[in-house]
PDB file of N, CA and C in Angstrom:
ATOM      1  N   UNK A   1       4.588  12.767  20.718  1.00  0.00           N
ATOM      2  CA  UNK A   1       3.578  12.195  19.848  1.00  0.00           C
ATOM      3  C   UNK A   1       2.219  12.287  20.532  1.00  0.00           C
ATOM      4  N   UNK A   2       1.212  12.467  19.733  1.00  0.00           N
ATOM      5  CA  UNK A   2      -0.150  12.480  20.257  1.00  0.00           C
ATOM      6  C   UNK A   2      -0.672  11.047  20.349  1.00  0.00           C
ATOM      7  N   UNK A   3      -1.792  10.889  21.021  1.00  0.00           N
ATOM      8  CA  UNK A   3      -2.421   9.573  21.121  1.00  0.00           C
ATOM      9  C   UNK A   3      -2.765   9.046  19.729  1.00  0.00           C
ATOM     10  N   UNK A   4      -3.311   9.909  18.879  1.00  0.00           N
ATOM     11  CA  UNK A   4      -3.685   9.475  17.528  1.00  0.00           C
ATOM     12  C   UNK A   4      -2.465   9.034  16.721  1.00  0.00           C
ATOM     13  N   UNK A   5      -1.367   9.765  16.834  1.00  0.00           N
ATOM     14  CA  UNK A   5      -0.150   9.390  16.120  1.00  0.00           C
ATOM     15  C   UNK A   5       0.397   8.055  16.631  1.00  0.00           C
ATOM     16  N   UNK A   6       0.345   7.874  17.928  1.00  0.00           N
ATOM     17  CA  UNK A   6       0.807   6.627  18.522  1.00  0.00           C
ATOM     18  C   UNK A   6      -0.060   5.458  18.073  1.00  0.00           C
ATOM     19  N   UNK A   7      -1.362   5.668  18.004  1.00  0.00           N
ATOM     20  CA  UNK A   7      -2.277   4.612  17.553  1.00  0.00           C
ATOM     21  C   UNK A   7      -1.991   4.192  16.120  1.00  0.00           C
ATOM     22  N   UNK A   8      -1.722   5.163  15.266  1.00  0.00           N
ATOM     23  CA  UNK A   8      -1.407   4.867  13.864  1.00  0.00           C
ATOM     24  C   UNK A   8      -0.103   4.073  13.778  1.00  0.00           C
ATOM     25  N   UNK A   9       0.889   4.490  14.551  1.00  0.00           N
ATOM     26  CA  UNK A   9       2.180   3.804  14.565  1.00  0.00           C
ATOM     27  C   UNK A   9       2.042   2.358  15.057  1.00  0.00           C
ATOM     28  N   UNK A  10       1.353   2.157  16.177  1.00  0.00           N
ATOM     29  CA  UNK A  10       1.226   0.803  16.726  1.00  0.00           C
ATOM     30  C   UNK A  10       0.397  -0.099  15.819  1.00  0.00           C
ATOM     31  N   UNK A  11      -0.573   0.459  15.145  1.00  0.00           N
ATOM     32  CA  UNK A  11      -1.357  -0.324  14.178  1.00  0.00           C
ATOM     33  C   UNK A  11      -0.450  -0.791  13.038  1.00  0.00           C
ATOM     34  N   UNK A  12       0.430   0.075  12.567  1.00  0.00           N
ATOM     35  CA  UNK A  12       1.357  -0.288  11.495  1.00  0.00           C
ATOM     36  C   UNK A  12       2.324  -1.384  11.951  1.00  0.00           C
ATOM     37  N   UNK A  13       2.824  -1.271  13.174  1.00  0.00           N
ATOM     38  CA  UNK A  13       3.727  -2.288  13.709  1.00  0.00           C
ATOM     39  C   UNK A  13       3.003  -3.625  13.815  1.00  0.00           C
ATOM     40  N   UNK A  14       1.793  -3.604  14.324  1.00  0.00           N
ATOM     41  CA  UNK A  14       0.985  -4.827  14.473  1.00  0.00           C
ATOM     42  C   UNK A  14       0.792  -5.510  13.125  1.00  0.00           C
ATOM     43  N   UNK A  15       0.366  -4.755  12.136  1.00  0.00           N
ATOM     44  CA  UNK A  15       0.115  -5.327  10.813  1.00  0.00           C
ATOM     45  C   UNK A  15       1.402  -5.850  10.176  1.00  0.00           C
ATOM     46  N   UNK A  16       2.488  -5.113  10.344  1.00  0.00           N
ATOM     47  CA  UNK A  16       3.771  -5.523   9.781  1.00  0.00           C
ATOM     48  C   UNK A  16       4.239  -6.841  10.383  1.00  0.00           C
ATOM     49  N   UNK A  17       4.186  -6.962  11.702  1.00  0.00           N
ATOM     50  CA  UNK A  17       4.607  -8.199  12.362  1.00  0.00           C
ATOM     51  C   UNK A  17       3.731  -9.376  11.950  1.00  0.00           C
ATOM     52  N   UNK A  18       2.435  -9.160  11.916  1.00  0.00           N
ATOM     53  CA  UNK A  18       1.517 -10.257  11.578  1.00  0.00           C
ATOM     54  C   UNK A  18       1.701 -10.720  10.131  1.00  0.00           C
ATOM     55  N   UNK A  19       1.955  -9.790   9.231  1.00  0.00           N
ATOM     56  CA  UNK A  19       2.152 -10.159   7.818  1.00  0.00           C
ATOM     57  C   UNK A  19       3.533 -10.762   7.560  1.00  0.00           C
ATOM     58  N   UNK A  20       4.545 -10.195   8.195  1.00  0.00           N
ATOM     59  CA  UNK A  20       5.917 -10.656   7.961  1.00  0.00           C
ATOM     60  C   UNK A  20       6.209 -11.991   8.638  1.00  0.00           C
ATOM     61  N   UNK A  21       5.574 -12.217   9.785  1.00  0.00           N
ATOM     62  CA  UNK A  21       5.828 -13.428  10.571  1.00  0.00           C
ATOM     63  C   UNK A  21       4.513 -14.093  10.994  1.00  0.00           C
ATOM     64  N   UNK A  22       3.739 -14.584  10.040  1.00  0.00           N
ATOM     65  CA  UNK A  22       2.423 -15.144  10.369  1.00  0.00           C
ATOM     66  C   UNK A  22       2.470 -16.383  11.253  1.00  0.00           C
ATOM     67  N   UNK A  23       3.604 -17.065  11.266  1.00  0.00           N
ATOM     68  CA  UNK A  23       3.732 -18.245  12.122  1.00  0.00           C
ATOM     69  C   UNK A  23       4.158 -17.894  13.539  1.00  0.00           C
ATOM     70  N   UNK A  24       4.537 -16.649  13.759  1.00  0.00           N
ATOM     71  CA  UNK A  24       5.031 -16.205  15.063  1.00  0.00           C
ATOM     72  C   UNK A  24       4.059 -15.292  15.801  1.00  0.00           C
ATOM     73  N   UNK A  25       3.336 -14.427  15.064  1.00  0.00           N
ATOM     74  CA  UNK A  25       2.477 -13.409  15.677  1.00  0.00           C
ATOM     75  C   UNK A  25       1.052 -13.488  15.151  1.00  0.00           C
ATOM     76  N   UNK A  26       0.105 -13.091  16.008  1.00  0.00           N
ATOM     77  CA  UNK A  26      -1.301 -13.079  15.610  1.00  0.00           C
ATOM     78  C   UNK A  26      -2.065 -12.020  16.396  1.00  0.00           C
ATOM     79  N   UNK A  27      -3.182 -11.589  15.842  1.00  0.00           N
ATOM     80  CA  UNK A  27      -4.091 -10.706  16.562  1.00  0.00           C
ATOM     81  C   UNK A  27      -5.360 -11.475  16.955  1.00  0.00           C
ATOM     82  N   UNK A  28      -5.316 -12.778  16.786  1.00  0.00           N
ATOM     83  CA  UNK A  28      -6.443 -13.650  17.164  1.00  0.00           C
ATOM     84  C   UNK A  28      -6.633 -13.600  18.671  1.00  0.00           C
ATOM     85  N   UNK A  29      -7.837 -13.240  19.105  1.00  0.00           N
ATOM     86  CA  UNK A  29      -8.117 -13.103  20.535  1.00  0.00           C
ATOM     87  C   UNK A  29      -8.299 -14.448  21.234  1.00  0.00           C
ATOM     88  N   UNK A  30      -8.858 -15.424  20.554  1.00  0.00           N
ATOM     89  CA  UNK A  30      -9.111 -16.712  21.185  1.00  0.00           C
ATOM     90  C   UNK A  30      -7.831 -17.537  21.277  1.00  0.00           C
ATOM     91  N   UNK A  31      -7.472 -17.900  22.482  1.00  0.00           N
ATOM     92  CA  UNK A  31      -6.228 -18.622  22.724  1.00  0.00           C
ATOM     93  C   UNK A  31      -6.165 -19.940  21.953  1.00  0.00           C
ATOM     94  N   UNK A  32      -7.288 -20.641  21.867  1.00  0.00           N
ATOM     95  CA  UNK A  32      -7.283 -21.938  21.189  1.00  0.00           C
ATOM     96  C   UNK A  32      -7.023 -21.806  19.681  1.00  0.00           C
ATOM     97  N   UNK A  33      -7.222 -20.627  19.104  1.00  0.00           N
ATOM     98  CA  UNK A  33      -6.975 -20.406  17.679  1.00  0.00           C
ATOM     99  C   UNK A  33      -5.586 -19.841  17.392  1.00  0.00           C
ATOM    100  N   UNK A  34      -4.842 -19.476  18.420  1.00  0.00           N
ATOM    101  CA  UNK A  34      -3.518 -18.876  18.226  1.00  0.00           C
ATOM    102  C   UNK A  34      -2.459 -19.892  17.826  1.00  0.00           C
ATOM    103  N   UNK A  35      -2.627 -21.123  18.231  1.00  0.00           N
ATOM    104  CA  UNK A  35      -1.741 -22.215  17.846  1.00  0.00           C
ATOM    105  C   UNK A  35      -0.266 -21.909  18.113  1.00  0.00           C
ATOM    106  N   UNK A  36       0.036 -21.439  19.326  1.00  0.00           N
ATOM    107  CA  UNK A  36       1.407 -21.202  19.719  1.00  0.00           C
ATOM    108  C   UNK A  36       1.994 -19.865  19.295  1.00  0.00           C
ATOM    109  N   UNK A  37       1.223 -19.078  18.577  1.00  0.00           N
ATOM    110  CA  UNK A  37       1.718 -17.767  18.136  1.00  0.00           C
ATOM    111  C   UNK A  37       1.551 -16.734  19.253  1.00  0.00           C
ATOM    112  N   UNK A  38       2.392 -15.721  19.234  1.00  0.00           N
ATOM    113  CA  UNK A  38       2.341 -14.649  20.214  1.00  0.00           C
ATOM    114  C   UNK A  38       1.218 -13.692  19.864  1.00  0.00           C
ATOM    115  N   UNK A  39       0.381 -13.408  20.842  1.00  0.00           N
ATOM    116  CA  UNK A  39      -0.777 -12.522  20.644  1.00  0.00           C
ATOM    117  C   UNK A  39      -0.354 -11.071  20.732  1.00  0.00           C
ATOM    118  N   UNK A  40      -0.659 -10.297  19.712  1.00  0.00           N
ATOM    119  CA  UNK A  40      -0.405  -8.863  19.707  1.00  0.00           C
ATOM    120  C   UNK A  40      -1.697  -8.179  20.140  1.00  0.00           C
ATOM    121  N   UNK A  41      -1.663  -7.601  21.313  1.00  0.00           N
ATOM    122  CA  UNK A  41      -2.846  -6.967  21.886  1.00  0.00           C
ATOM    123  C   UNK A  41      -2.712  -5.469  21.799  1.00  0.00           C
ATOM    124  N   UNK A  42      -3.744  -4.805  21.313  1.00  0.00           N
ATOM    125  CA  UNK A  42      -3.751  -3.340  21.283  1.00  0.00           C
ATOM    126  C   UNK A  42      -5.183  -2.847  21.234  1.00  0.00           C
ATOM    127  N   UNK A  43      -5.365  -1.648  21.666  1.00  0.00           N
ATOM    128  CA  UNK A  43      -6.691  -1.040  21.635  1.00  0.00           C
ATOM    129  C   UNK A  43      -7.048  -0.662  20.203  1.00  0.00           C
ATOM    130  N   UNK A  44      -8.318  -0.800  19.843  1.00  0.00           N
ATOM    131  CA  UNK A  44      -8.729  -0.390  18.485  1.00  0.00           C
ATOM    132  C   UNK A  44      -8.628   1.122  18.322  1.00  0.00           C
ATOM    133  N   UNK A  45      -8.464   1.543  17.078  1.00  0.00           N
ATOM    134  CA  UNK A  45      -8.406   2.988  16.793  1.00  0.00           C
ATOM    135  C   UNK A  45      -9.704   3.665  17.067  1.00  0.00           C
TER     136      UNK A  45
END
């Protein structure tokens, strides 16, 4: 896979997890706003 293909794939995984499990996962960078949810960190496209 190329870097671009990998970026598209990881973006899809991130969005899927955040939408399917909003109480478990977040892309919120500020720790105080995460409220116990797991932070999904990834580089922007």
